[in-house]
């Protein structure tokens, strides 16, 4: 996320602000079988954004994205899939954040 946001740093005096971001990624069991084993998961990535202009909090907001997926008996493939999901959710959130920041007046 930081790398992508760095591409948008512009030295303009009329639109100077600081963005403080707190990100959280979670994984929760969303369904279990009769034996109590997890069959479905829900991955969620959320960011809390504080927008500071002239040393004052101008705005704050939260962007959250989630994805549901099935469990897999192949744990290596599951971990790889979960990493891809997290990256995709982060990419989506980053695009939303860039859009919101670009519309700041």
PDB file of N, CA and C in Angstrom:
ATOM      1  N   UNK A   1       0.829  -1.182   0.000  1.00  0.00           N
ATOM      2  CA  UNK A   1       0.000   0.000   0.000  1.00  0.00           C
ATOM      3  C   UNK A   1       0.877   1.250   0.000  1.00  0.00           C
ATOM      4  N   UNK A   2       1.907   1.233   0.823  1.00  0.00           N
ATOM      5  CA  UNK A   2       2.771   2.404   0.929  1.00  0.00           C
ATOM      6  C   UNK A   2       3.452   2.705  -0.409  1.00  0.00           C
ATOM      7  N   UNK A   3       3.926   1.671  -1.092  1.00  0.00           N
ATOM      8  CA  UNK A   3       4.579   1.871  -2.387  1.00  0.00           C
ATOM      9  C   UNK A   3       3.631   2.518  -3.389  1.00  0.00           C
ATOM     10  N   UNK A   4       2.414   2.032  -3.422  1.00  0.00           N
ATOM     11  CA  UNK A   4       1.438   2.565  -4.367  1.00  0.00           C
ATOM     12  C   UNK A   4       1.089   4.018  -4.044  1.00  0.00           C
ATOM     13  N   UNK A   5       0.973   4.341  -2.774  1.00  0.00           N
ATOM     14  CA  UNK A   5       0.652   5.709  -2.374  1.00  0.00           C
ATOM     15  C   UNK A   5       1.817   6.664  -2.647  1.00  0.00           C
ATOM     16  N   UNK A   6       3.033   6.162  -2.544  1.00  0.00           N
ATOM     17  CA  UNK A   6       4.195   7.001  -2.817  1.00  0.00           C
ATOM     18  C   UNK A   6       4.203   7.535  -4.249  1.00  0.00           C
ATOM     19  N   UNK A   7       3.568   6.825  -5.158  1.00  0.00           N
ATOM     20  CA  UNK A   7       3.487   7.282  -6.548  1.00  0.00           C
ATOM     21  C   UNK A   7       2.670   8.557  -6.689  1.00  0.00           C
ATOM     22  N   UNK A   8       1.882   8.895  -5.677  1.00  0.00           N
ATOM     23  CA  UNK A   8       0.985  10.043  -5.758  1.00  0.00           C
ATOM     24  C   UNK A   8       1.464  11.240  -4.952  1.00  0.00           C
ATOM     25  N   UNK A   9       2.657  11.156  -4.418  1.00  0.00           N
ATOM     26  CA  UNK A   9       3.188  12.285  -3.652  1.00  0.00           C
ATOM     27  C   UNK A   9       3.568  13.389  -4.630  1.00  0.00           C
ATOM     28  N   UNK A  10       2.959  14.540  -4.421  1.00  0.00           N
ATOM     29  CA  UNK A  10       3.205  15.700  -5.270  1.00  0.00           C
ATOM     30  C   UNK A  10       3.475  16.883  -4.361  1.00  0.00           C
ATOM     31  N   UNK A  11       4.456  17.658  -4.695  1.00  0.00           N
ATOM     32  CA  UNK A  11       4.785  18.841  -3.884  1.00  0.00           C
ATOM     33  C   UNK A  11       3.977  20.034  -4.357  1.00  0.00           C
ATOM     34  N   UNK A  12       2.759  20.134  -3.857  1.00  0.00           N
ATOM     35  CA  UNK A  12       1.897  21.275  -4.150  1.00  0.00           C
ATOM     36  C   UNK A  12       1.524  21.915  -2.829  1.00  0.00           C
ATOM     37  N   UNK A  13       1.715  23.191  -2.731  1.00  0.00           N
ATOM     38  CA  UNK A  13       1.424  23.905  -1.490  1.00  0.00           C
ATOM     39  C   UNK A  13      -0.068  23.985  -1.198  1.00  0.00           C
ATOM     40  N   UNK A  14      -0.889  24.024  -2.227  1.00  0.00           N
ATOM     41  CA  UNK A  14      -2.320  24.208  -2.005  1.00  0.00           C
ATOM     42  C   UNK A  14      -3.048  22.913  -1.623  1.00  0.00           C
ATOM     43  N   UNK A  15      -2.390  21.784  -1.685  1.00  0.00           N
ATOM     44  CA  UNK A  15      -3.040  20.511  -1.360  1.00  0.00           C
ATOM     45  C   UNK A  15      -2.072  19.649  -0.561  1.00  0.00           C
ATOM     46  N   UNK A  16      -1.683  20.157   0.591  1.00  0.00           N
ATOM     47  CA  UNK A  16      -0.726  19.452   1.427  1.00  0.00           C
ATOM     48  C   UNK A  16      -1.457  18.854   2.621  1.00  0.00           C
ATOM     49  N   UNK A  17      -1.282  17.563   2.813  1.00  0.00           N
ATOM     50  CA  UNK A  17      -1.890  16.903   3.957  1.00  0.00           C
ATOM     51  C   UNK A  17      -1.090  15.671   4.328  1.00  0.00           C
ATOM     52  N   UNK A  18      -1.308  15.194   5.538  1.00  0.00           N
ATOM     53  CA  UNK A  18      -0.669  13.980   6.033  1.00  0.00           C
ATOM     54  C   UNK A  18      -1.755  12.919   6.199  1.00  0.00           C
ATOM     55  N   UNK A  19      -1.411  11.705   5.841  1.00  0.00           N
ATOM     56  CA  UNK A  19      -2.351  10.600   5.954  1.00  0.00           C
ATOM     57  C   UNK A  19      -1.774   9.590   6.944  1.00  0.00           C
ATOM     58  N   UNK A  20      -2.492   9.361   8.042  1.00  0.00           N
ATOM     59  CA  UNK A  20      -2.115   8.340   9.021  1.00  0.00           C
ATOM     60  C   UNK A  20      -3.029   7.141   8.805  1.00  0.00           C
ATOM     61  N   UNK A  21      -2.414   5.975   8.613  1.00  0.00           N
ATOM     62  CA  UNK A  21      -3.192   4.773   8.290  1.00  0.00           C
ATOM     63  C   UNK A  21      -2.886   3.670   9.299  1.00  0.00           C
ATOM     64  N   UNK A  22      -3.944   3.084   9.813  1.00  0.00           N
ATOM     65  CA  UNK A  22      -3.848   1.897  10.662  1.00  0.00           C
ATOM     66  C   UNK A  22      -4.556   0.771   9.913  1.00  0.00           C
ATOM     67  N   UNK A  23      -3.827  -0.292   9.619  1.00  0.00           N
ATOM     68  CA  UNK A  23      -4.438  -1.401   8.869  1.00  0.00           C
ATOM     69  C   UNK A  23      -4.565  -2.637   9.746  1.00  0.00           C
ATOM     70  N   UNK A  24      -5.643  -3.381   9.498  1.00  0.00           N
ATOM     71  CA  UNK A  24      -5.920  -4.600  10.254  1.00  0.00           C
ATOM     72  C   UNK A  24      -6.396  -5.664   9.269  1.00  0.00           C
ATOM     73  N   UNK A  25      -5.801  -6.852   9.369  1.00  0.00           N
ATOM     74  CA  UNK A  25      -6.227  -7.994   8.558  1.00  0.00           C
ATOM     75  C   UNK A  25      -6.671  -9.099   9.513  1.00  0.00           C
ATOM     76  N   UNK A  26      -7.848  -9.656   9.248  1.00  0.00           N
ATOM     77  CA  UNK A  26      -8.362 -10.733  10.094  1.00  0.00           C
ATOM     78  C   UNK A  26      -8.844 -11.898   9.240  1.00  0.00           C
ATOM     79  N   UNK A  27      -8.864 -13.051   9.865  1.00  0.00           N
ATOM     80  CA  UNK A  27      -9.400 -14.263   9.243  1.00  0.00           C
ATOM     81  C   UNK A  27     -10.299 -14.915  10.282  1.00  0.00           C
ATOM     82  N   UNK A  28     -11.537 -15.204   9.885  1.00  0.00           N
ATOM     83  CA  UNK A  28     -12.490 -15.805  10.813  1.00  0.00           C
ATOM     84  C   UNK A  28     -13.148 -17.012  10.162  1.00  0.00           C
ATOM     85  N   UNK A  29     -13.510 -17.960  10.984  1.00  0.00           N
ATOM     86  CA  UNK A  29     -14.258 -19.127  10.509  1.00  0.00           C
ATOM     87  C   UNK A  29     -15.697 -18.678  10.306  1.00  0.00           C
ATOM     88  N   UNK A  30     -16.233 -18.923   9.103  1.00  0.00           N
ATOM     89  CA  UNK A  30     -17.616 -18.514   8.842  1.00  0.00           C
ATOM     90  C   UNK A  30     -18.567 -19.706   8.788  1.00  0.00           C
ATOM     91  N   UNK A  31     -18.019 -20.921   8.698  1.00  0.00           N
ATOM     92  CA  UNK A  31     -18.875 -22.114   8.722  1.00  0.00           C
ATOM     93  C   UNK A  31     -18.045 -23.323   9.155  1.00  0.00           C
ATOM     94  N   UNK A  32     -18.718 -24.244   9.847  1.00  0.00           N
ATOM     95  CA  UNK A  32     -18.076 -25.479  10.294  1.00  0.00           C
ATOM     96  C   UNK A  32     -18.947 -26.669   9.891  1.00  0.00           C
ATOM     97  N   UNK A  33     -18.318 -27.830   9.762  1.00  0.00           N
ATOM     98  CA  UNK A  33     -19.081 -29.041   9.491  1.00  0.00           C
ATOM     99  C   UNK A  33     -19.565 -29.647  10.811  1.00  0.00           C
ATOM    100  N   UNK A  34     -20.215 -30.783  10.745  1.00  0.00           N
ATOM    101  CA  UNK A  34     -20.778 -31.420  11.940  1.00  0.00           C
ATOM    102  C   UNK A  34     -19.690 -31.770  12.952  1.00  0.00           C
ATOM    103  N   UNK A  35     -18.490 -32.110  12.471  1.00  0.00           N
ATOM    104  CA  UNK A  35     -17.369 -32.454  13.354  1.00  0.00           C
ATOM    105  C   UNK A  35     -16.755 -31.239  14.030  1.00  0.00           C
ATOM    106  N   UNK A  36     -17.146 -30.047  13.604  1.00  0.00           N
ATOM    107  CA  UNK A  36     -16.585 -28.831  14.173  1.00  0.00           C
ATOM    108  C   UNK A  36     -15.383 -28.299  13.423  1.00  0.00           C
ATOM    109  N   UNK A  37     -15.051 -28.936  12.289  1.00  0.00           N
ATOM    110  CA  UNK A  37     -13.933 -28.462  11.473  1.00  0.00           C
ATOM    111  C   UNK A  37     -14.392 -27.308  10.592  1.00  0.00           C
ATOM    112  N   UNK A  38     -13.511 -26.335  10.421  1.00  0.00           N
ATOM    113  CA  UNK A  38     -13.830 -25.164   9.597  1.00  0.00           C
ATOM    114  C   UNK A  38     -13.987 -25.573   8.138  1.00  0.00           C
ATOM    115  N   UNK A  39     -15.076 -25.135   7.513  1.00  0.00           N
ATOM    116  CA  UNK A  39     -15.293 -25.398   6.088  1.00  0.00           C
ATOM    117  C   UNK A  39     -15.208 -24.121   5.257  1.00  0.00           C
ATOM    118  N   UNK A  40     -15.481 -22.988   5.885  1.00  0.00           N
ATOM    119  CA  UNK A  40     -15.426 -21.698   5.191  1.00  0.00           C
ATOM    120  C   UNK A  40     -14.768 -20.658   6.085  1.00  0.00           C
ATOM    121  N   UNK A  41     -14.076 -19.728   5.434  1.00  0.00           N
ATOM    122  CA  UNK A  41     -13.418 -18.633   6.142  1.00  0.00           C
ATOM    123  C   UNK A  41     -13.844 -17.310   5.538  1.00  0.00           C
ATOM    124  N   UNK A  42     -13.628 -16.264   6.313  1.00  0.00           N
ATOM    125  CA  UNK A  42     -13.853 -14.904   5.832  1.00  0.00           C
ATOM    126  C   UNK A  42     -12.614 -14.088   6.175  1.00  0.00           C
ATOM    127  N   UNK A  43     -11.942 -13.584   5.147  1.00  0.00           N
ATOM    128  CA  UNK A  43     -10.794 -12.701   5.339  1.00  0.00           C
ATOM    129  C   UNK A  43     -11.269 -11.263   5.185  1.00  0.00           C
ATOM    130  N   UNK A  44     -10.833 -10.419   6.097  1.00  0.00           N
ATOM    131  CA  UNK A  44     -11.206  -9.009   6.070  1.00  0.00           C
ATOM    132  C   UNK A  44      -9.960  -8.160   6.231  1.00  0.00           C
ATOM    133  N   UNK A  45      -9.857  -7.150   5.406  1.00  0.00           N
ATOM    134  CA  UNK A  45      -8.800  -6.157   5.536  1.00  0.00           C
ATOM    135  C   UNK A  45      -9.500  -4.814   5.685  1.00  0.00           C
ATOM    136  N   UNK A  46      -9.094  -4.064   6.694  1.00  0.00           N
ATOM    137  CA  UNK A  46      -9.675  -2.740   6.884  1.00  0.00           C
ATOM    138  C   UNK A  46      -8.575  -1.755   7.244  1.00  0.00           C
ATOM    139  N   UNK A  47      -8.811  -0.516   6.860  1.00  0.00           N
ATOM    140  CA  UNK A  47      -7.886   0.545   7.227  1.00  0.00           C
ATOM    141  C   UNK A  47      -8.680   1.683   7.861  1.00  0.00           C
ATOM    142  N   UNK A  48      -8.078   2.275   8.871  1.00  0.00           N
ATOM    143  CA  UNK A  48      -8.626   3.490   9.480  1.00  0.00           C
ATOM    144  C   UNK A  48      -7.702   4.612   9.050  1.00  0.00           C
ATOM    145  N   UNK A  49      -8.275   5.636   8.445  1.00  0.00           N
ATOM    146  CA  UNK A  49      -7.491   6.728   7.885  1.00  0.00           C
ATOM    147  C   UNK A  49      -7.801   8.019   8.628  1.00  0.00           C
ATOM    148  N   UNK A  50      -6.751   8.690   9.076  1.00  0.00           N
ATOM    149  CA  UNK A  50      -6.857  10.033   9.645  1.00  0.00           C
ATOM    150  C   UNK A  50      -6.173  10.976   8.672  1.00  0.00           C
ATOM    151  N   UNK A  51      -6.909  11.952   8.211  1.00  0.00           N
ATOM    152  CA  UNK A  51      -6.398  12.938   7.275  1.00  0.00           C
ATOM    153  C   UNK A  51      -6.123  14.228   8.036  1.00  0.00           C
ATOM    154  N   UNK A  52      -4.869  14.645   8.062  1.00  0.00           N
ATOM    155  CA  UNK A  52      -4.457  15.815   8.828  1.00  0.00           C
ATOM    156  C   UNK A  52      -4.001  16.906   7.868  1.00  0.00           C
ATOM    157  N   UNK A  53      -4.605  18.086   8.020  1.00  0.00           N
ATOM    158  CA  UNK A  53      -4.214  19.256   7.229  1.00  0.00           C
ATOM    159  C   UNK A  53      -3.939  20.401   8.187  1.00  0.00           C
ATOM    160  N   UNK A  54      -2.838  21.082   7.996  1.00  0.00           N
ATOM    161  CA  UNK A  54      -2.451  22.207   8.860  1.00  0.00           C
ATOM    162  C   UNK A  54      -2.425  21.803  10.331  1.00  0.00           C
ATOM    163  N   UNK A  55      -1.882  20.625  10.583  1.00  0.00           N
ATOM    164  CA  UNK A  55      -1.755  20.073  11.945  1.00  0.00           C
ATOM    165  C   UNK A  55      -3.087  19.883  12.655  1.00  0.00           C
ATOM    166  N   UNK A  56      -4.169  19.768  11.900  1.00  0.00           N
ATOM    167  CA  UNK A  56      -5.487  19.520  12.482  1.00  0.00           C
ATOM    168  C   UNK A  56      -6.149  18.363  11.743  1.00  0.00           C
ATOM    169  N   UNK A  57      -6.884  17.560  12.498  1.00  0.00           N
ATOM    170  CA  UNK A  57      -7.615  16.457  11.893  1.00  0.00           C
ATOM    171  C   UNK A  57      -8.732  17.010  11.011  1.00  0.00           C
ATOM    172  N   UNK A  58      -8.638  16.760   9.728  1.00  0.00           N
ATOM    173  CA  UNK A  58      -9.649  17.252   8.792  1.00  0.00           C
ATOM    174  C   UNK A  58     -10.754  16.222   8.599  1.00  0.00           C
ATOM    175  N   UNK A  59     -10.366  14.958   8.539  1.00  0.00           N
ATOM    176  CA  UNK A  59     -11.333  13.903   8.244  1.00  0.00           C
ATOM    177  C   UNK A  59     -10.767  12.579   8.728  1.00  0.00           C
ATOM    178  N   UNK A  60     -11.655  11.662   9.045  1.00  0.00           N
ATOM    179  CA  UNK A  60     -11.251  10.291   9.310  1.00  0.00           C
ATOM    180  C   UNK A  60     -12.330   9.363   8.766  1.00  0.00           C
ATOM    181  N   UNK A  61     -11.899   8.211   8.297  1.00  0.00           N
ATOM    182  CA  UNK A  61     -12.842   7.255   7.726  1.00  0.00           C
ATOM    183  C   UNK A  61     -12.224   5.860   7.752  1.00  0.00           C
ATOM    184  N   UNK A  62     -13.070   4.881   7.522  1.00  0.00           N
ATOM    185  CA  UNK A  62     -12.651   3.477   7.496  1.00  0.00           C
ATOM    186  C   UNK A  62     -13.037   2.893   6.143  1.00  0.00           C
ATOM    187  N   UNK A  63     -12.126   2.139   5.570  1.00  0.00           N
ATOM    188  CA  UNK A  63     -12.416   1.385   4.348  1.00  0.00           C
ATOM    189  C   UNK A  63     -12.205  -0.084   4.683  1.00  0.00           C
ATOM    190  N   UNK A  64     -13.195  -0.907   4.346  1.00  0.00           N
ATOM    191  CA  UNK A  64     -13.147  -2.327   4.698  1.00  0.00           C
ATOM    192  C   UNK A  64     -13.563  -3.166   3.494  1.00  0.00           C
ATOM    193  N   UNK A  65     -12.833  -4.245   3.274  1.00  0.00           N
ATOM    194  CA  UNK A  65     -13.165  -5.210   2.220  1.00  0.00           C
ATOM    195  C   UNK A  65     -13.058  -6.613   2.801  1.00  0.00           C
ATOM    196  N   UNK A  66     -13.967  -7.501   2.378  1.00  0.00           N
ATOM    197  CA  UNK A  66     -13.972  -8.877   2.864  1.00  0.00           C
ATOM    198  C   UNK A  66     -14.124  -9.853   1.708  1.00  0.00           C
ATOM    199  N   UNK A  67     -13.715 -11.089   1.966  1.00  0.00           N
ATOM    200  CA  UNK A  67     -13.853 -12.144   0.966  1.00  0.00           C
ATOM    201  C   UNK A  67     -14.082 -13.466   1.683  1.00  0.00           C
ATOM    202  N   UNK A  68     -15.085 -14.227   1.235  1.00  0.00           N
ATOM    203  CA  UNK A  68     -15.384 -15.549   1.784  1.00  0.00           C
ATOM    204  C   UNK A  68     -14.800 -16.613   0.876  1.00  0.00           C
ATOM    205  N   UNK A  69     -14.265 -17.675   1.475  1.00  0.00           N
ATOM    206  CA  UNK A  69     -13.683 -18.755   0.679  1.00  0.00           C
ATOM    207  C   UNK A  69     -13.758 -20.075   1.447  1.00  0.00           C
ATOM    208  N   UNK A  70     -13.625 -21.161   0.703  1.00  0.00           N
ATOM    209  CA  UNK A  70     -13.713 -22.505   1.266  1.00  0.00           C
ATOM    210  C   UNK A  70     -12.365 -22.960   1.813  1.00  0.00           C
ATOM    211  N   UNK A  71     -12.419 -23.830   2.808  1.00  0.00           N
ATOM    212  CA  UNK A  71     -11.223 -24.453   3.352  1.00  0.00           C
ATOM    213  C   UNK A  71     -10.661 -25.440   2.341  1.00  0.00           C
ATOM    214  N   UNK A  72      -9.414 -25.794   2.506  1.00  0.00           N
ATOM    215  CA  UNK A  72      -8.772 -26.762   1.621  1.00  0.00           C
ATOM    216  C   UNK A  72      -7.971 -27.739   2.467  1.00  0.00           C
ATOM    217  N   UNK A  73      -7.932 -28.980   2.040  1.00  0.00           N
ATOM    218  CA  UNK A  73      -7.144 -29.968   2.773  1.00  0.00           C
ATOM    219  C   UNK A  73      -5.646 -29.767   2.524  1.00  0.00           C
ATOM    220  N   UNK A  74      -5.301 -29.131   1.410  1.00  0.00           N
ATOM    221  CA  UNK A  74      -3.905 -28.825   1.102  1.00  0.00           C
ATOM    222  C   UNK A  74      -3.558 -27.485   1.765  1.00  0.00           C
ATOM    223  N   UNK A  75      -2.898 -27.563   2.907  1.00  0.00           N
ATOM    224  CA  UNK A  75      -2.634 -26.353   3.705  1.00  0.00           C
ATOM    225  C   UNK A  75      -1.670 -25.393   3.012  1.00  0.00           C
ATOM    226  N   UNK A  76      -0.719 -25.913   2.213  1.00  0.00           N
ATOM    227  CA  UNK A  76       0.191 -25.031   1.480  1.00  0.00           C
ATOM    228  C   UNK A  76      -0.589 -24.193   0.466  1.00  0.00           C
ATOM    229  N   UNK A  77      -1.468 -24.859  -0.300  1.00  0.00           N
ATOM    230  CA  UNK A  77      -2.285 -24.130  -1.276  1.00  0.00           C
ATOM    231  C   UNK A  77      -3.215 -23.134  -0.585  1.00  0.00           C
ATOM    232  N   UNK A  78      -3.737 -23.524   0.575  1.00  0.00           N
ATOM    233  CA  UNK A  78      -4.628 -22.640   1.325  1.00  0.00           C
ATOM    234  C   UNK A  78      -3.881 -21.375   1.759  1.00  0.00           C
ATOM    235  N   UNK A  79      -2.674 -21.520   2.275  1.00  0.00           N
ATOM    236  CA  UNK A  79      -1.885 -20.353   2.710  1.00  0.00           C
ATOM    237  C   UNK A  79      -1.559 -19.447   1.528  1.00  0.00           C
ATOM    238  N   UNK A  80      -1.213 -20.047   0.393  1.00  0.00           N
ATOM    239  CA  UNK A  80      -0.926 -19.274  -0.812  1.00  0.00           C
ATOM    240  C   UNK A  80      -2.166 -18.518  -1.268  1.00  0.00           C
ATOM    241  N   UNK A  81      -3.310 -19.195  -1.253  1.00  0.00           N
ATOM    242  CA  UNK A  81      -4.573 -18.580  -1.643  1.00  0.00           C
ATOM    243  C   UNK A  81      -4.933 -17.430  -0.705  1.00  0.00           C
ATOM    244  N   UNK A  82      -4.737 -17.646   0.600  1.00  0.00           N
ATOM    245  CA  UNK A  82      -5.032 -16.604   1.583  1.00  0.00           C
ATOM    246  C   UNK A  82      -4.132 -15.375   1.383  1.00  0.00           C
ATOM    247  N   UNK A  83      -2.882 -15.607   1.040  1.00  0.00           N
ATOM    248  CA  UNK A  83      -1.971 -14.489   0.775  1.00  0.00           C
ATOM    249  C   UNK A  83      -2.442 -13.701  -0.447  1.00  0.00           C
ATOM    250  N   UNK A  84      -2.872 -14.415  -1.490  1.00  0.00           N
ATOM    251  CA  UNK A  84      -3.404 -13.753  -2.689  1.00  0.00           C
ATOM    252  C   UNK A  84      -4.662 -12.946  -2.366  1.00  0.00           C
ATOM    253  N   UNK A  85      -5.527 -13.512  -1.549  1.00  0.00           N
ATOM    254  CA  UNK A  85      -6.756 -12.821  -1.146  1.00  0.00           C
ATOM    255  C   UNK A  85      -6.406 -11.538  -0.409  1.00  0.00           C
ATOM    256  N   UNK A  86      -5.480 -11.622   0.539  1.00  0.00           N
ATOM    257  CA  UNK A  86      -5.077 -10.450   1.317  1.00  0.00           C
ATOM    258  C   UNK A  86      -4.491  -9.376   0.396  1.00  0.00           C
ATOM    259  N   UNK A  87      -3.655  -9.781  -0.540  1.00  0.00           N
ATOM    260  CA  UNK A  87      -3.076  -8.821  -1.490  1.00  0.00           C
ATOM    261  C   UNK A  87      -4.148  -8.168  -2.350  1.00  0.00           C
ATOM    262  N   UNK A  88      -5.117  -8.958  -2.819  1.00  0.00           N
ATOM    263  CA  UNK A  88      -6.194  -8.415  -3.651  1.00  0.00           C
ATOM    264  C   UNK A  88      -7.081  -7.451  -2.865  1.00  0.00           C
ATOM    265  N   UNK A  89      -7.401  -7.800  -1.619  1.00  0.00           N
ATOM    266  CA  UNK A  89      -8.203  -6.916  -0.784  1.00  0.00           C
ATOM    267  C   UNK A  89      -7.454  -5.612  -0.517  1.00  0.00           C
ATOM    268  N   UNK A  90      -6.163  -5.716  -0.255  1.00  0.00           N
ATOM    269  CA  UNK A  90      -5.347  -4.528  -0.020  1.00  0.00           C
ATOM    270  C   UNK A  90      -5.286  -3.656  -1.263  1.00  0.00           C
ATOM    271  N   UNK A  91      -5.157  -4.265  -2.417  1.00  0.00           N
ATOM    272  CA  UNK A  91      -5.136  -3.518  -3.681  1.00  0.00           C
ATOM    273  C   UNK A  91      -6.444  -2.762  -3.893  1.00  0.00           C
ATOM    274  N   UNK A  92      -7.562  -3.411  -3.627  1.00  0.00           N
ATOM    275  CA  UNK A  92      -8.876  -2.773  -3.772  1.00  0.00           C
ATOM    276  C   UNK A  92      -9.012  -1.594  -2.810  1.00  0.00           C
ATOM    277  N   UNK A  93      -8.593  -1.790  -1.568  1.00  0.00           N
ATOM    278  CA  UNK A  93      -8.669  -0.726  -0.568  1.00  0.00           C
ATOM    279  C   UNK A  93      -7.766   0.440  -0.966  1.00  0.00           C
ATOM    280  N   UNK A  94      -6.588   0.137  -1.462  1.00  0.00           N
ATOM    281  CA  UNK A  94      -5.656   1.185  -1.881  1.00  0.00           C
ATOM    282  C   UNK A  94      -6.245   2.024  -3.003  1.00  0.00           C
ATOM    283  N   UNK A  95      -6.888   1.377  -3.957  1.00  0.00           N
ATOM    284  CA  UNK A  95      -7.529   2.111  -5.059  1.00  0.00           C
ATOM    285  C   UNK A  95      -8.644   3.020  -4.532  1.00  0.00           C
ATOM    286  N   UNK A  96      -9.426   2.511  -3.579  1.00  0.00           N
ATOM    287  CA  UNK A  96     -10.481   3.333  -2.985  1.00  0.00           C
ATOM    288  C   UNK A  96      -9.895   4.520  -2.227  1.00  0.00           C
ATOM    289  N   UNK A  97      -8.806   4.277  -1.502  1.00  0.00           N
ATOM    290  CA  UNK A  97      -8.157   5.347  -0.749  1.00  0.00           C
ATOM    291  C   UNK A  97      -7.607   6.415  -1.696  1.00  0.00           C
ATOM    292  N   UNK A  98      -6.955   6.017  -2.750  1.00  0.00           N
ATOM    293  CA  UNK A  98      -6.412   6.975  -3.718  1.00  0.00           C
ATOM    294  C   UNK A  98      -7.535   7.809  -4.316  1.00  0.00           C
ATOM    295  N   UNK A  99      -8.636   7.177  -4.628  1.00  0.00           N
ATOM    296  CA  UNK A  99      -9.782   7.910  -5.178  1.00  0.00           C
ATOM    297  C   UNK A  99     -10.283   8.951  -4.180  1.00  0.00           C
ATOM    298  N   UNK A 100     -10.443   8.545  -2.926  1.00  0.00           N
ATOM    299  CA  UNK A 100     -10.926   9.478  -1.900  1.00  0.00           C
ATOM    300  C   UNK A 100      -9.952  10.628  -1.674  1.00  0.00           C
ATOM    301  N   UNK A 101      -8.665  10.316  -1.640  1.00  0.00           N
ATOM    302  CA  UNK A 101      -7.658  11.354  -1.424  1.00  0.00           C
ATOM    303  C   UNK A 101      -7.576  12.318  -2.605  1.00  0.00           C
ATOM    304  N   UNK A 102      -7.795  11.804  -3.797  1.00  0.00           N
ATOM    305  CA  UNK A 102      -7.711  12.659  -4.979  1.00  0.00           C
ATOM    306  C   UNK A 102      -8.874  13.659  -5.051  1.00  0.00           C
ATOM    307  N   UNK A 103      -9.945  13.381  -4.312  1.00  0.00           N
ATOM    308  CA  UNK A 103     -11.109  14.268  -4.318  1.00  0.00           C
ATOM    309  C   UNK A 103     -11.152  15.226  -3.134  1.00  0.00           C
ATOM    310  N   UNK A 104     -10.062  15.298  -2.377  1.00  0.00           N
ATOM    311  CA  UNK A 104     -10.020  16.201  -1.241  1.00  0.00           C
ATOM    312  C   UNK A 104      -9.894  17.633  -1.730  1.00  0.00           C
ATOM    313  N   UNK A 105     -10.671  18.480  -1.146  1.00  0.00           N
ATOM    314  CA  UNK A 105     -10.659  19.901  -1.531  1.00  0.00           C
ATOM    315  C   UNK A 105      -9.909  20.695  -0.494  1.00  0.00           C
TER     316      UNK A 105
END
